[in-house]
């Protein structure tokens, strides 16, 4: 399993949801790469978007990369 995100309105609800997801992964014999997981973060980049506790923003570095890419 590469990635998954868990969120909810409260920390306790997030822990409950995490427990459900990890139980399901164990049930289905999915192997997780723990080096790639981050817990209790307030912001992260997901699919090229910056996810914050206040909302979702576009990653401006991606826009600059696309704008500056020359296609011949």
PDB file of N, CA and C in Angstrom:
ATOM      1  N   UNK A   1       0.857  -1.165   0.000  1.00  0.00           N
ATOM      2  CA  UNK A   1       0.000   0.000   0.000  1.00  0.00           C
ATOM      3  C   UNK A   1       0.900   1.222   0.000  1.00  0.00           C
ATOM      4  N   UNK A   2       0.681   2.117  -0.937  1.00  0.00           N
ATOM      5  CA  UNK A   2       1.519   3.299  -1.035  1.00  0.00           C
ATOM      6  C   UNK A   2       1.059   4.431  -0.128  1.00  0.00           C
ATOM      7  N   UNK A   3      -0.176   4.868  -0.292  1.00  0.00           N
ATOM      8  CA  UNK A   3      -0.638   6.062   0.416  1.00  0.00           C
ATOM      9  C   UNK A   3      -2.098   5.932   0.815  1.00  0.00           C
ATOM     10  N   UNK A   4      -2.417   6.535   1.918  1.00  0.00           N
ATOM     11  CA  UNK A   4      -3.805   6.801   2.263  1.00  0.00           C
ATOM     12  C   UNK A   4      -3.830   7.958   3.246  1.00  0.00           C
ATOM     13  N   UNK A   5      -4.922   8.675   3.244  1.00  0.00           N
ATOM     14  CA  UNK A   5      -5.091   9.807   4.156  1.00  0.00           C
ATOM     15  C   UNK A   5      -6.292   9.559   5.035  1.00  0.00           C
ATOM     16  N   UNK A   6      -6.157   9.953   6.281  1.00  0.00           N
ATOM     17  CA  UNK A   6      -7.251   9.804   7.238  1.00  0.00           C
ATOM     18  C   UNK A   6      -7.470  11.155   7.893  1.00  0.00           C
ATOM     19  N   UNK A   7      -8.711  11.578   7.917  1.00  0.00           N
ATOM     20  CA  UNK A   7      -9.012  12.854   8.562  1.00  0.00           C
ATOM     21  C   UNK A   7     -10.416  12.789   9.130  1.00  0.00           C
ATOM     22  N   UNK A   8     -10.679  13.653  10.061  1.00  0.00           N
ATOM     23  CA  UNK A   8     -12.010  13.776  10.658  1.00  0.00           C
ATOM     24  C   UNK A   8     -12.031  15.067  11.460  1.00  0.00           C
ATOM     25  N   UNK A   9     -13.128  15.323  12.133  1.00  0.00           N
ATOM     26  CA  UNK A   9     -13.275  16.573  12.881  1.00  0.00           C
ATOM     27  C   UNK A   9     -12.505  16.592  14.193  1.00  0.00           C
ATOM     28  N   UNK A  10     -12.204  15.421  14.746  1.00  0.00           N
ATOM     29  CA  UNK A  10     -11.492  15.393  16.021  1.00  0.00           C
ATOM     30  C   UNK A  10     -10.352  14.379  15.971  1.00  0.00           C
ATOM     31  N   UNK A  11      -9.394  14.554  16.855  1.00  0.00           N
ATOM     32  CA  UNK A  11      -8.255  13.659  16.926  1.00  0.00           C
ATOM     33  C   UNK A  11      -8.709  12.242  17.269  1.00  0.00           C
ATOM     34  N   UNK A  12      -9.624  12.112  18.217  1.00  0.00           N
ATOM     35  CA  UNK A  12     -10.119  10.786  18.608  1.00  0.00           C
ATOM     36  C   UNK A  12     -10.803  10.076  17.443  1.00  0.00           C
ATOM     37  N   UNK A  13     -11.563  10.820  16.645  1.00  0.00           N
ATOM     38  CA  UNK A  13     -12.203  10.223  15.473  1.00  0.00           C
ATOM     39  C   UNK A  13     -11.162   9.776  14.450  1.00  0.00           C
ATOM     40  N   UNK A  14     -10.090  10.551  14.304  1.00  0.00           N
ATOM     41  CA  UNK A  14      -9.006  10.157  13.395  1.00  0.00           C
ATOM     42  C   UNK A  14      -8.362   8.854  13.863  1.00  0.00           C
ATOM     43  N   UNK A  15      -8.134   8.738  15.152  1.00  0.00           N
ATOM     44  CA  UNK A  15      -7.550   7.503  15.682  1.00  0.00           C
ATOM     45  C   UNK A  15      -8.467   6.311  15.463  1.00  0.00           C
ATOM     46  N   UNK A  16      -9.753   6.522  15.642  1.00  0.00           N
ATOM     47  CA  UNK A  16     -10.728   5.447  15.394  1.00  0.00           C
ATOM     48  C   UNK A  16     -10.680   5.025  13.935  1.00  0.00           C
ATOM     49  N   UNK A  17     -10.650   5.998  13.026  1.00  0.00           N
ATOM     50  CA  UNK A  17     -10.594   5.693  11.597  1.00  0.00           C
ATOM     51  C   UNK A  17      -9.275   5.006  11.228  1.00  0.00           C
ATOM     52  N   UNK A  18      -8.177   5.452  11.816  1.00  0.00           N
ATOM     53  CA  UNK A  18      -6.876   4.833  11.560  1.00  0.00           C
ATOM     54  C   UNK A  18      -6.890   3.372  11.997  1.00  0.00           C
ATOM     55  N   UNK A  19      -7.451   3.117  13.147  1.00  0.00           N
ATOM     56  CA  UNK A  19      -7.534   1.738  13.646  1.00  0.00           C
ATOM     57  C   UNK A  19      -8.324   0.858  12.676  1.00  0.00           C
ATOM     58  N   UNK A  20      -9.424   1.382  12.144  1.00  0.00           N
ATOM     59  CA  UNK A  20     -10.231   0.626  11.181  1.00  0.00           C
ATOM     60  C   UNK A  20      -9.437   0.327   9.912  1.00  0.00           C
ATOM     61  N   UNK A  21      -8.724   1.337   9.405  1.00  0.00           N
ATOM     62  CA  UNK A  21      -7.947   1.166   8.177  1.00  0.00           C
ATOM     63  C   UNK A  21      -6.826   0.159   8.391  1.00  0.00           C
ATOM     64  N   UNK A  22      -6.097   0.281   9.497  1.00  0.00           N
ATOM     65  CA  UNK A  22      -4.997  -0.645   9.752  1.00  0.00           C
ATOM     66  C   UNK A  22      -5.502  -2.068   9.968  1.00  0.00           C
ATOM     67  N   UNK A  23      -6.649  -2.212  10.595  1.00  0.00           N
ATOM     68  CA  UNK A  23      -7.245  -3.539  10.765  1.00  0.00           C
ATOM     69  C   UNK A  23      -7.600  -4.150   9.417  1.00  0.00           C
ATOM     70  N   UNK A  24      -8.150  -3.340   8.525  1.00  0.00           N
ATOM     71  CA  UNK A  24      -8.514  -3.813   7.189  1.00  0.00           C
ATOM     72  C   UNK A  24      -7.263  -4.193   6.397  1.00  0.00           C
ATOM     73  N   UNK A  25      -6.195  -3.396   6.516  1.00  0.00           N
ATOM     74  CA  UNK A  25      -4.934  -3.721   5.841  1.00  0.00           C
ATOM     75  C   UNK A  25      -4.389  -5.055   6.340  1.00  0.00           C
ATOM     76  N   UNK A  26      -4.434  -5.257   7.643  1.00  0.00           N
ATOM     77  CA  UNK A  26      -3.960  -6.508   8.230  1.00  0.00           C
ATOM     78  C   UNK A  26      -4.820  -7.683   7.755  1.00  0.00           C
ATOM     79  N   UNK A  27      -6.122  -7.478   7.729  1.00  0.00           N
ATOM     80  CA  UNK A  27      -7.058  -8.512   7.286  1.00  0.00           C
ATOM     81  C   UNK A  27      -6.783  -8.935   5.838  1.00  0.00           C
ATOM     82  N   UNK A  28      -6.419  -7.972   4.993  1.00  0.00           N
ATOM     83  CA  UNK A  28      -6.183  -8.234   3.569  1.00  0.00           C
ATOM     84  C   UNK A  28      -4.715  -8.528   3.260  1.00  0.00           C
ATOM     85  N   UNK A  29      -3.890  -8.638   4.315  1.00  0.00           N
ATOM     86  CA  UNK A  29      -2.458  -8.931   4.171  1.00  0.00           C
ATOM     87  C   UNK A  29      -1.717  -7.893   3.338  1.00  0.00           C
ATOM     88  N   UNK A  30      -2.099  -6.636   3.473  1.00  0.00           N
ATOM     89  CA  UNK A  30      -1.393  -5.555   2.796  1.00  0.00           C
ATOM     90  C   UNK A  30      -0.155  -5.183   3.604  1.00  0.00           C
ATOM     91  N   UNK A  31       0.929  -4.929   2.918  1.00  0.00           N
ATOM     92  CA  UNK A  31       2.173  -4.543   3.569  1.00  0.00           C
ATOM     93  C   UNK A  31       2.332  -3.038   3.412  1.00  0.00           C
ATOM     94  N   UNK A  32       2.606  -2.373   4.512  1.00  0.00           N
ATOM     95  CA  UNK A  32       2.773  -0.926   4.503  1.00  0.00           C
ATOM     96  C   UNK A  32       4.246  -0.584   4.637  1.00  0.00           C
ATOM     97  N   UNK A  33       4.680   0.419   3.885  1.00  0.00           N
ATOM     98  CA  UNK A  33       6.040   0.917   3.984  1.00  0.00           C
ATOM     99  C   UNK A  33       6.025   2.073   4.989  1.00  0.00           C
ATOM    100  N   UNK A  34       6.339   1.790   6.222  1.00  0.00           N
ATOM    101  CA  UNK A  34       6.190   2.762   7.306  1.00  0.00           C
ATOM    102  C   UNK A  34       7.103   3.969   7.139  1.00  0.00           C
ATOM    103  N   UNK A  35       8.178   3.842   6.364  1.00  0.00           N
ATOM    104  CA  UNK A  35       9.064   4.983   6.143  1.00  0.00           C
ATOM    105  C   UNK A  35       8.374   6.093   5.368  1.00  0.00           C
ATOM    106  N   UNK A  36       7.329   5.764   4.615  1.00  0.00           N
ATOM    107  CA  UNK A  36       6.621   6.747   3.800  1.00  0.00           C
ATOM    108  C   UNK A  36       5.420   7.369   4.503  1.00  0.00           C
ATOM    109  N   UNK A  37       5.118   6.939   5.712  1.00  0.00           N
ATOM    110  CA  UNK A  37       3.923   7.429   6.392  1.00  0.00           C
ATOM    111  C   UNK A  37       4.262   8.536   7.377  1.00  0.00           C
ATOM    112  N   UNK A  38       3.374   9.508   7.451  1.00  0.00           N
ATOM    113  CA  UNK A  38       3.526  10.638   8.368  1.00  0.00           C
ATOM    114  C   UNK A  38       2.252  10.741   9.186  1.00  0.00           C
ATOM    115  N   UNK A  39       2.395  10.823  10.471  1.00  0.00           N
ATOM    116  CA  UNK A  39       1.242  10.871  11.364  1.00  0.00           C
ATOM    117  C   UNK A  39       1.147  12.239  12.028  1.00  0.00           C
ATOM    118  N   UNK A  40      -0.083  12.655  12.227  1.00  0.00           N
ATOM    119  CA  UNK A  40      -0.396  13.876  12.959  1.00  0.00           C
ATOM    120  C   UNK A  40       0.223  15.115  12.314  1.00  0.00           C
ATOM    121  N   UNK A  41       0.145  15.221  11.001  1.00  0.00           N
ATOM    122  CA  UNK A  41       0.647  16.410  10.311  1.00  0.00           C
ATOM    123  C   UNK A  41      -0.508  17.380  10.082  1.00  0.00           C
ATOM    124  N   UNK A  42      -0.186  18.658  10.077  1.00  0.00           N
ATOM    125  CA  UNK A  42      -1.220  19.670   9.858  1.00  0.00           C
ATOM    126  C   UNK A  42      -1.262  20.121   8.407  1.00  0.00           C
ATOM    127  N   UNK A  43      -0.221  19.763   7.637  1.00  0.00           N
ATOM    128  CA  UNK A  43      -0.248  20.034   6.203  1.00  0.00           C
ATOM    129  C   UNK A  43       0.581  18.982   5.487  1.00  0.00           C
ATOM    130  N   UNK A  44       0.269  18.780   4.214  1.00  0.00           N
ATOM    131  CA  UNK A  44       0.945  17.759   3.429  1.00  0.00           C
ATOM    132  C   UNK A  44       0.684  18.034   1.957  1.00  0.00           C
ATOM    133  N   UNK A  45       1.469  17.438   1.081  1.00  0.00           N
ATOM    134  CA  UNK A  45       1.224  17.549  -0.349  1.00  0.00           C
ATOM    135  C   UNK A  45       0.619  16.236  -0.822  1.00  0.00           C
ATOM    136  N   UNK A  46      -0.558  16.338  -1.421  1.00  0.00           N
ATOM    137  CA  UNK A  46      -1.281  15.167  -1.899  1.00  0.00           C
ATOM    138  C   UNK A  46      -1.675  15.418  -3.343  1.00  0.00           C
ATOM    139  N   UNK A  47      -1.207  14.554  -4.231  1.00  0.00           N
ATOM    140  CA  UNK A  47      -1.521  14.656  -5.658  1.00  0.00           C
ATOM    141  C   UNK A  47      -1.266  16.059  -6.204  1.00  0.00           C
ATOM    142  N   UNK A  48      -0.144  16.658  -5.788  1.00  0.00           N
ATOM    143  CA  UNK A  48       0.246  17.963  -6.303  1.00  0.00           C
ATOM    144  C   UNK A  48      -0.485  19.141  -5.686  1.00  0.00           C
ATOM    145  N   UNK A  49      -1.260  18.907  -4.639  1.00  0.00           N
ATOM    146  CA  UNK A  49      -1.959  19.990  -3.953  1.00  0.00           C
ATOM    147  C   UNK A  49      -1.496  20.042  -2.505  1.00  0.00           C
ATOM    148  N   UNK A  50      -1.410  21.241  -1.972  1.00  0.00           N
ATOM    149  CA  UNK A  50      -1.034  21.415  -0.580  1.00  0.00           C
ATOM    150  C   UNK A  50      -2.313  21.353   0.259  1.00  0.00           C
ATOM    151  N   UNK A  51      -2.377  20.364   1.131  1.00  0.00           N
ATOM    152  CA  UNK A  51      -3.544  20.179   1.991  1.00  0.00           C
ATOM    153  C   UNK A  51      -3.200  20.732   3.369  1.00  0.00           C
ATOM    154  N   UNK A  52      -3.958  21.743   3.771  1.00  0.00           N
ATOM    155  CA  UNK A  52      -3.761  22.403   5.058  1.00  0.00           C
ATOM    156  C   UNK A  52      -4.988  22.197   5.930  1.00  0.00           C
ATOM    157  N   UNK A  53      -4.859  22.487   7.186  1.00  0.00           N
ATOM    158  CA  UNK A  53      -6.022  22.393   8.072  1.00  0.00           C
ATOM    159  C   UNK A  53      -7.076  23.434   7.703  1.00  0.00           C
ATOM    160  N   UNK A  54      -6.660  24.469   6.976  1.00  0.00           N
ATOM    161  CA  UNK A  54      -7.594  25.528   6.581  1.00  0.00           C
ATOM    162  C   UNK A  54      -8.176  25.333   5.183  1.00  0.00           C
ATOM    163  N   UNK A  55      -7.659  24.341   4.448  1.00  0.00           N
ATOM    164  CA  UNK A  55      -8.174  24.092   3.112  1.00  0.00           C
ATOM    165  C   UNK A  55      -7.098  23.550   2.180  1.00  0.00           C
ATOM    166  N   UNK A  56      -7.387  23.550   0.893  1.00  0.00           N
ATOM    167  CA  UNK A  56      -6.484  23.011  -0.118  1.00  0.00           C
ATOM    168  C   UNK A  56      -5.980  24.139  -1.006  1.00  0.00           C
ATOM    169  N   UNK A  57      -4.659  24.140  -1.274  1.00  0.00           N
ATOM    170  CA  UNK A  57      -4.057  25.149  -2.140  1.00  0.00           C
ATOM    171  C   UNK A  57      -3.276  24.445  -3.242  1.00  0.00           C
ATOM    172  N   UNK A  58      -3.118  25.127  -4.348  1.00  0.00           N
ATOM    173  CA  UNK A  58      -2.306  24.616  -5.443  1.00  0.00           C
ATOM    174  C   UNK A  58      -0.836  24.796  -5.077  1.00  0.00           C
ATOM    175  N   UNK A  59      -0.025  23.804  -5.386  1.00  0.00           N
ATOM    176  CA  UNK A  59       1.417  23.888  -5.177  1.00  0.00           C
ATOM    177  C   UNK A  59       2.001  24.763  -6.288  1.00  0.00           C
ATOM    178  N   UNK A  60       2.405  25.988  -5.948  1.00  0.00           N
ATOM    179  CA  UNK A  60       2.884  26.956  -6.947  1.00  0.00           C
ATOM    180  C   UNK A  60       4.139  26.478  -7.665  1.00  0.00           C
ATOM    181  N   UNK A  61       4.932  25.640  -7.025  1.00  0.00           N
ATOM    182  CA  UNK A  61       6.133  25.136  -7.697  1.00  0.00           C
ATOM    183  C   UNK A  61       5.758  24.270  -8.895  1.00  0.00           C
ATOM    184  N   UNK A  62       4.620  23.598  -8.835  1.00  0.00           N
ATOM    185  CA  UNK A  62       4.153  22.792  -9.972  1.00  0.00           C
ATOM    186  C   UNK A  62       3.758  23.693 -11.132  1.00  0.00           C
ATOM    187  N   UNK A  63       3.128  24.817 -10.834  1.00  0.00           N
ATOM    188  CA  UNK A  63       2.723  25.768 -11.874  1.00  0.00           C
ATOM    189  C   UNK A  63       3.961  26.343 -12.551  1.00  0.00           C
ATOM    190  N   UNK A  64       4.968  26.726 -11.758  1.00  0.00           N
ATOM    191  CA  UNK A  64       6.207  27.263 -12.313  1.00  0.00           C
ATOM    192  C   UNK A  64       6.901  26.231 -13.203  1.00  0.00           C
ATOM    193  N   UNK A  65       6.922  24.989 -12.770  1.00  0.00           N
ATOM    194  CA  UNK A  65       7.548  23.933 -13.555  1.00  0.00           C
ATOM    195  C   UNK A  65       6.859  23.769 -14.907  1.00  0.00           C
ATOM    196  N   UNK A  66       5.549  23.747 -14.902  1.00  0.00           N
ATOM    197  CA  UNK A  66       4.791  23.596 -16.155  1.00  0.00           C
ATOM    198  C   UNK A  66       4.977  24.820 -17.030  1.00  0.00           C
ATOM    199  N   UNK A  67       4.919  26.005 -16.447  1.00  0.00           N
ATOM    200  CA  UNK A  67       5.069  27.254 -17.200  1.00  0.00           C
ATOM    201  C   UNK A  67       6.433  27.357 -17.860  1.00  0.00           C
ATOM    202  N   UNK A  68       7.464  26.906 -17.154  1.00  0.00           N
ATOM    203  CA  UNK A  68       8.835  27.037 -17.662  1.00  0.00           C
ATOM    204  C   UNK A  68       9.289  25.864 -18.534  1.00  0.00           C
ATOM    205  N   UNK A  69       8.449  24.864 -18.692  1.00  0.00           N
ATOM    206  CA  UNK A  69       8.802  23.724 -19.530  1.00  0.00           C
ATOM    207  C   UNK A  69       8.590  24.083 -20.986  1.00  0.00           C
ATOM    208  N   UNK A  70       9.642  23.928 -21.767  1.00  0.00           N
ATOM    209  CA  UNK A  70       9.556  24.240 -23.199  1.00  0.00           C
ATOM    210  C   UNK A  70       9.246  22.968 -23.968  1.00  0.00           C
ATOM    211  N   UNK A  71       8.233  23.041 -24.773  1.00  0.00           N
ATOM    212  CA  UNK A  71       7.856  21.910 -25.609  1.00  0.00           C
ATOM    213  C   UNK A  71       8.185  22.274 -27.045  1.00  0.00           C
ATOM    214  N   UNK A  72       8.969  21.461 -27.689  1.00  0.00           N
ATOM    215  CA  UNK A  72       9.404  21.739 -29.062  1.00  0.00           C
ATOM    216  C   UNK A  72       8.637  20.886 -30.028  1.00  0.00           C
TER     217      UNK A  72
END
